[in-house]
């Protein structure tokens, strides 16, 4: 683990493996540890780098005015601080929303992009689910209700009894204010067609057929909006298919990364 102090973010950074560099960005309220199963599978072939976004782990607070663009600028600054750019970038869920903005705002830093279980713009259903999470937090019953609610909405029917990965919704350590800030950022985010069109990196979009948060319709929206994007639909996968089936996730991510490492 390394600690990096950036202009607006102090964060923990984890490196694993060697080879082409892949920056991995986690989702809402989730720290870098949730990437560990995927990183273990990718590390024999890639240098994987994960870190904590604002508001999770030991990272800096989110703050009341933080936007998704700010989180993307944090990631871009980290790439520059590590001296590794351009790198391959992937993100899951809200991490995908961050990743697509890194590619749109800082194209010179991104060699390839992979957007897993994510959306450019939340629809009413996604906003309602995020809003219900906020009501759980406000009720003071997060310790009892938040984890099962997130699991129900994150996993497919086949994996519904599976526990969230370590690093995701750590109820005993949750900071209600920071989690609420993540919910606000996720709810307010909106990626315009013009911003999507600025993404020039080769882009992979993946989604599970049973993802009820960022649905296949959200994935098709990204596929249509990003020039020459490729879309992979994972049969039976839920929103957290990267945790349900880390072998499938790692195979998709590794193939995409190596394919675009060989072309550069």
Protein backbone atom coordinates (compact mmCIF):
# COMPACT_ATOMS: atom_id res chain seq x y z
CA UNK A 1 0.00 0.00 0.00
CA UNK A 2 1.13 3.53 -0.81
CA UNK A 3 -0.36 6.80 0.41
CA UNK A 4 -0.61 9.62 -2.13
CA UNK A 5 -1.46 13.24 -1.33
CA UNK A 6 -3.00 14.98 -4.33
CA UNK A 7 -4.37 18.50 -4.59
CA UNK A 8 -7.85 17.55 -3.31
CA UNK A 9 -7.42 13.92 -2.29
CA UNK A 10 -5.24 11.91 0.04
CA UNK A 11 -5.72 8.22 -0.70
CA UNK A 12 -4.36 4.72 -0.31
CA UNK A 13 -3.09 3.07 -3.48
CA UNK A 14 -2.54 -0.64 -3.97
CA UNK A 15 -0.39 -2.16 -6.74
CA UNK A 16 -0.34 -5.80 -7.72
CA UNK A 17 1.38 -7.60 -10.59
CA UNK A 18 3.47 -6.41 -13.52
CA UNK A 19 2.86 -5.64 -17.18
CA UNK A 20 0.53 -3.13 -18.85
CA UNK A 21 -0.92 -0.77 -16.24
CA UNK A 22 -4.63 -1.01 -15.40
CA UNK A 23 -6.18 1.60 -13.09
CA UNK A 24 -9.27 0.13 -11.42
CA UNK A 25 -11.95 2.48 -10.04
CA UNK A 26 -14.49 1.22 -7.52
CA UNK A 27 -18.12 2.17 -7.03
CA UNK A 28 -20.39 3.93 -4.56
CA UNK A 29 -19.33 3.64 -0.93
CA UNK A 30 -16.82 0.93 -1.82
CA UNK A 31 -13.09 0.93 -1.15
CA UNK A 32 -10.22 -0.62 -3.10
CA UNK A 33 -10.43 -3.98 -1.31
CA UNK A 34 -13.47 -5.00 -3.35
CA UNK A 35 -11.15 -5.31 -6.37
CA UNK A 36 -8.92 -7.91 -4.67
CA UNK A 37 -10.46 -11.07 -6.23
CA UNK A 38 -10.24 -9.59 -9.73
CA UNK A 39 -6.75 -8.21 -9.12
CA UNK A 40 -5.48 -11.61 -8.01
CA UNK A 41 -6.64 -13.07 -11.32
CA UNK A 42 -5.27 -10.19 -13.42
CA UNK A 43 -1.94 -9.66 -11.66
CA UNK A 44 -0.07 -12.47 -13.45
CA UNK A 45 -0.54 -10.49 -16.66
CA UNK A 46 -1.07 -6.84 -15.69
CA UNK A 47 0.09 -4.25 -13.19
CA UNK A 48 -3.20 -3.53 -11.40
CA UNK A 49 -3.61 -0.30 -9.44
CA UNK A 50 -6.58 0.33 -7.16
CA UNK A 51 -7.27 3.24 -4.82
CA UNK A 52 -9.91 4.78 -2.59
CA UNK A 53 -12.18 7.49 -3.95
CA UNK A 54 -13.04 10.38 -1.68
CA UNK A 55 -15.23 9.30 1.22
CA UNK A 56 -14.15 5.66 1.63
CA UNK A 57 -11.36 3.94 3.52
CA UNK A 58 -8.82 6.44 4.79
CA UNK A 59 -9.29 8.80 1.85
CA UNK A 60 -10.24 12.46 2.14
CA UNK A 61 -13.87 13.43 2.71
CA UNK A 62 -16.21 13.85 -0.23
CA UNK A 63 -17.38 17.34 0.72
CA UNK A 64 -20.75 18.96 0.00
CA UNK A 65 -19.86 20.41 -3.41
CA UNK A 66 -17.98 17.46 -4.93
CA UNK A 67 -19.14 16.33 -8.37
CA UNK A 68 -18.46 13.26 -10.47
CA UNK A 69 -16.14 15.43 -12.54
CA UNK A 70 -14.11 16.17 -9.39
CA UNK A 71 -13.73 12.45 -8.72
CA UNK A 72 -12.60 11.95 -12.32
CA UNK A 73 -10.04 14.72 -11.95
CA UNK A 74 -8.77 12.99 -8.79
CA UNK A 75 -8.18 9.80 -10.78
CA UNK A 76 -6.50 11.72 -13.59
CA UNK A 77 -4.21 13.47 -11.14
CA UNK A 78 -3.34 10.12 -9.58
CA UNK A 79 -2.35 8.72 -12.99
CA UNK A 80 -0.05 11.69 -13.49
CA UNK A 81 1.36 11.40 -9.95
CA UNK A 82 2.16 7.74 -10.50
CA UNK A 83 3.95 8.62 -13.73
CA UNK A 84 2.30 5.72 -15.53
CA UNK A 85 0.16 7.43 -18.18
CA UNK A 86 -1.36 6.71 -20.53
CA UNK A 87 -2.88 3.71 -18.76
CA UNK A 88 -5.76 1.33 -19.24
CA UNK A 89 -8.71 2.37 -17.07
CA UNK A 90 -11.69 0.37 -15.88
CA UNK A 91 -14.52 1.20 -13.54
CA UNK A 92 -17.53 -0.58 -12.10
CA UNK A 93 -20.85 1.08 -11.26
CA UNK A 94 -20.10 4.62 -10.00
CA UNK A 95 -16.46 3.83 -10.75
CA UNK A 96 -17.48 3.47 -14.38
CA UNK A 97 -19.11 6.89 -14.27
CA UNK A 98 -15.82 8.26 -12.96
CA UNK A 99 -13.79 6.35 -15.56
CA UNK A 100 -15.79 7.62 -18.53
CA UNK A 101 -15.20 11.18 -17.36
CA UNK A 102 -11.47 10.55 -17.02
CA UNK A 103 -11.48 9.44 -20.67
CA UNK A 104 -13.62 12.37 -21.79
CA UNK A 105 -11.82 15.09 -19.84
CA UNK A 106 -8.25 13.70 -19.97
CA UNK A 107 -8.02 11.60 -23.15
CA UNK A 108 -4.22 11.73 -23.23
CA UNK A 109 -4.10 9.68 -20.00
CA UNK A 110 -6.28 6.77 -21.16
CA UNK A 111 -4.98 4.00 -23.45
CA UNK A 112 -8.16 1.93 -23.26
CA UNK A 113 -11.40 2.13 -21.27
CA UNK A 114 -13.68 -0.54 -19.82
CA UNK A 115 -17.04 0.42 -18.34
CA UNK A 116 -18.66 -2.33 -16.29
CA UNK A 117 -22.21 -2.21 -14.88
CA UNK A 118 -22.52 1.54 -15.22
CA UNK A 119 -24.58 4.36 -16.72
CA UNK A 120 -24.01 7.75 -18.25
CA UNK A 121 -27.23 9.17 -16.83
CA UNK A 122 -29.49 7.76 -14.11
CA UNK A 123 -33.10 7.03 -14.98
CA UNK A 124 -36.03 7.39 -12.54
CA UNK A 125 -35.71 3.79 -11.32
CA UNK A 126 -32.02 4.15 -10.50
CA UNK A 127 -32.69 7.45 -8.73
CA UNK A 128 -35.47 5.80 -6.72
CA UNK A 129 -33.16 2.97 -5.60
CA UNK A 130 -30.46 5.44 -4.58
CA UNK A 131 -33.08 7.51 -2.79
CA UNK A 132 -34.26 4.49 -0.83
CA UNK A 133 -30.68 3.79 0.24
CA UNK A 134 -30.57 7.33 1.57
CA UNK A 135 -33.78 6.79 3.53
CA UNK A 136 -32.26 3.68 5.10
CA UNK A 137 -29.22 5.70 6.17
CA UNK A 138 -31.44 8.52 7.50
CA UNK A 139 -33.51 6.04 9.51
CA UNK A 140 -30.52 5.06 11.63
CA UNK A 141 -31.04 1.41 10.66
CA UNK A 142 -28.21 1.14 8.14
CA UNK A 143 -26.53 -1.55 10.24
CA UNK A 144 -29.60 -3.77 9.89
CA UNK A 145 -31.02 -2.86 6.49
CA UNK A 146 -28.44 -1.36 4.16
CA UNK A 147 -26.36 -4.45 3.48
CA UNK A 148 -29.31 -6.76 2.63
CA UNK A 149 -30.91 -4.06 0.47
CA UNK A 150 -27.69 -3.49 -1.48
CA UNK A 151 -27.21 -7.25 -1.88
CA UNK A 152 -30.75 -7.73 -3.19
CA UNK A 153 -30.25 -5.07 -5.84
CA UNK A 154 -26.63 -5.93 -6.67
CA UNK A 155 -26.75 -9.69 -7.22
CA UNK A 156 -28.54 -11.86 -9.74
CA UNK A 157 -31.03 -14.48 -8.59
CA UNK A 158 -28.39 -17.19 -8.88
CA UNK A 159 -26.07 -15.32 -6.51
CA UNK A 160 -28.63 -13.66 -4.25
CA UNK A 161 -27.28 -15.44 -1.16
CA UNK A 162 -23.74 -14.24 -1.83
CA UNK A 163 -22.24 -11.66 0.51
CA UNK A 164 -20.95 -8.33 -0.71
CA UNK A 165 -17.18 -8.29 -1.26
CA UNK A 166 -14.95 -6.97 1.51
CA UNK A 167 -14.73 -3.21 1.05
CA UNK A 168 -18.34 -2.75 -0.03
CA UNK A 169 -20.81 -1.23 2.42
CA UNK A 170 -18.84 -1.97 5.57
CA UNK A 171 -21.76 -1.40 7.93
CA UNK A 172 -19.70 -1.39 11.10
CA UNK A 173 -17.54 1.42 9.71
CA UNK A 174 -19.99 3.36 7.55
CA UNK A 175 -19.78 7.13 7.77
CA UNK A 176 -23.37 8.17 7.11
CA UNK A 177 -22.38 11.65 5.94
CA UNK A 178 -19.81 10.37 3.46
CA UNK A 179 -22.11 7.61 2.18
CA UNK A 180 -24.85 10.21 1.68
CA UNK A 181 -22.40 12.36 -0.27
CA UNK A 182 -21.67 9.41 -2.59
CA UNK A 183 -25.41 8.92 -3.07
CA UNK A 184 -25.80 12.60 -3.94
CA UNK A 185 -22.98 12.51 -6.48
CA UNK A 186 -24.38 9.38 -8.12
CA UNK A 187 -27.90 10.80 -8.28
CA UNK A 188 -26.88 14.19 -9.68
CA UNK A 189 -24.45 12.92 -12.32
CA UNK A 190 -25.32 13.36 -16.00
CA UNK A 191 -23.05 12.68 -18.97
CA UNK A 192 -24.15 14.50 -22.10
CA UNK A 193 -23.91 13.14 -25.64
CA UNK A 194 -21.26 15.77 -26.35
CA UNK A 195 -19.15 14.60 -23.41
CA UNK A 196 -19.48 10.95 -24.42
CA UNK A 197 -18.41 11.86 -27.95
CA UNK A 198 -15.12 13.20 -26.57
CA UNK A 199 -14.10 9.68 -25.52
CA UNK A 200 -11.55 8.55 -28.09
CA UNK A 201 -10.03 5.57 -26.23
CA UNK A 202 -11.13 2.10 -27.34
CA UNK A 203 -14.07 1.37 -25.04
CA UNK A 204 -15.57 -1.87 -23.78
CA UNK A 205 -19.03 -1.75 -22.19
CA UNK A 206 -20.21 -4.78 -20.17
CA UNK A 207 -23.48 -5.47 -18.39
CA UNK A 208 -25.28 -8.44 -16.84
CA UNK A 209 -28.67 -9.45 -18.17
CA UNK A 210 -30.04 -9.34 -14.61
CA UNK A 211 -28.60 -5.95 -13.68
CA UNK A 212 -31.54 -3.98 -12.30
CA UNK A 213 -29.47 -0.92 -11.31
CA UNK A 214 -27.52 -0.03 -14.43
CA UNK A 215 -29.52 -2.07 -16.87
CA UNK A 216 -28.72 -3.37 -20.37
CA UNK A 217 -30.57 -0.26 -21.64
CA UNK A 218 -28.02 1.92 -19.84
CA UNK A 219 -25.22 -0.11 -21.43
CA UNK A 220 -26.72 0.28 -24.90
CA UNK A 221 -26.94 4.03 -24.30
CA UNK A 222 -23.18 4.06 -23.67
CA UNK A 223 -22.54 1.79 -26.64
CA UNK A 224 -24.40 4.16 -28.95
CA UNK A 225 -22.84 7.29 -27.48
CA UNK A 226 -19.16 6.31 -27.56
CA UNK A 227 -17.54 6.02 -30.98
CA UNK A 228 -16.56 2.45 -31.91
CA UNK A 229 -17.44 1.07 -28.47
CA UNK A 230 -17.95 -2.67 -28.06
CA UNK A 231 -20.72 -4.17 -25.93
CA UNK A 232 -20.63 -7.48 -24.05
CA UNK A 233 -23.74 -8.75 -22.27
CA UNK A 234 -23.05 -11.30 -19.51
CA UNK A 235 -25.85 -13.85 -19.42
CA UNK A 236 -27.28 -14.19 -15.91
CA UNK A 237 -25.01 -11.51 -14.45
CA UNK A 238 -26.23 -9.05 -11.86
CA UNK A 239 -25.01 -5.53 -11.19
CA UNK A 240 -22.09 -6.91 -9.17
CA UNK A 241 -21.18 -9.60 -11.69
CA UNK A 242 -17.53 -8.66 -11.18
CA UNK A 243 -17.90 -10.07 -7.64
CA UNK A 244 -20.34 -12.88 -8.52
CA UNK A 245 -18.10 -14.27 -11.26
CA UNK A 246 -14.60 -12.80 -10.95
CA UNK A 247 -13.23 -15.30 -13.48
CA UNK A 248 -15.60 -14.04 -16.17
CA UNK A 249 -14.91 -10.44 -15.25
CA UNK A 250 -11.14 -10.96 -15.28
CA UNK A 251 -11.27 -12.75 -18.63
CA UNK A 252 -13.18 -9.90 -20.25
CA UNK A 253 -10.97 -7.22 -18.72
CA UNK A 254 -7.71 -9.02 -19.46
CA UNK A 255 -8.61 -9.72 -23.06
CA UNK A 256 -9.57 -6.09 -23.65
CA UNK A 257 -6.46 -4.72 -21.96
CA UNK A 258 -4.00 -7.03 -23.73
CA UNK A 259 -5.68 -6.47 -27.07
CA UNK A 260 -5.14 -2.74 -26.79
CA UNK A 261 -1.71 -3.04 -25.28
CA UNK A 262 -0.57 -4.94 -28.36
CA UNK A 263 -1.93 -2.22 -30.65
CA UNK A 264 0.12 0.55 -29.03
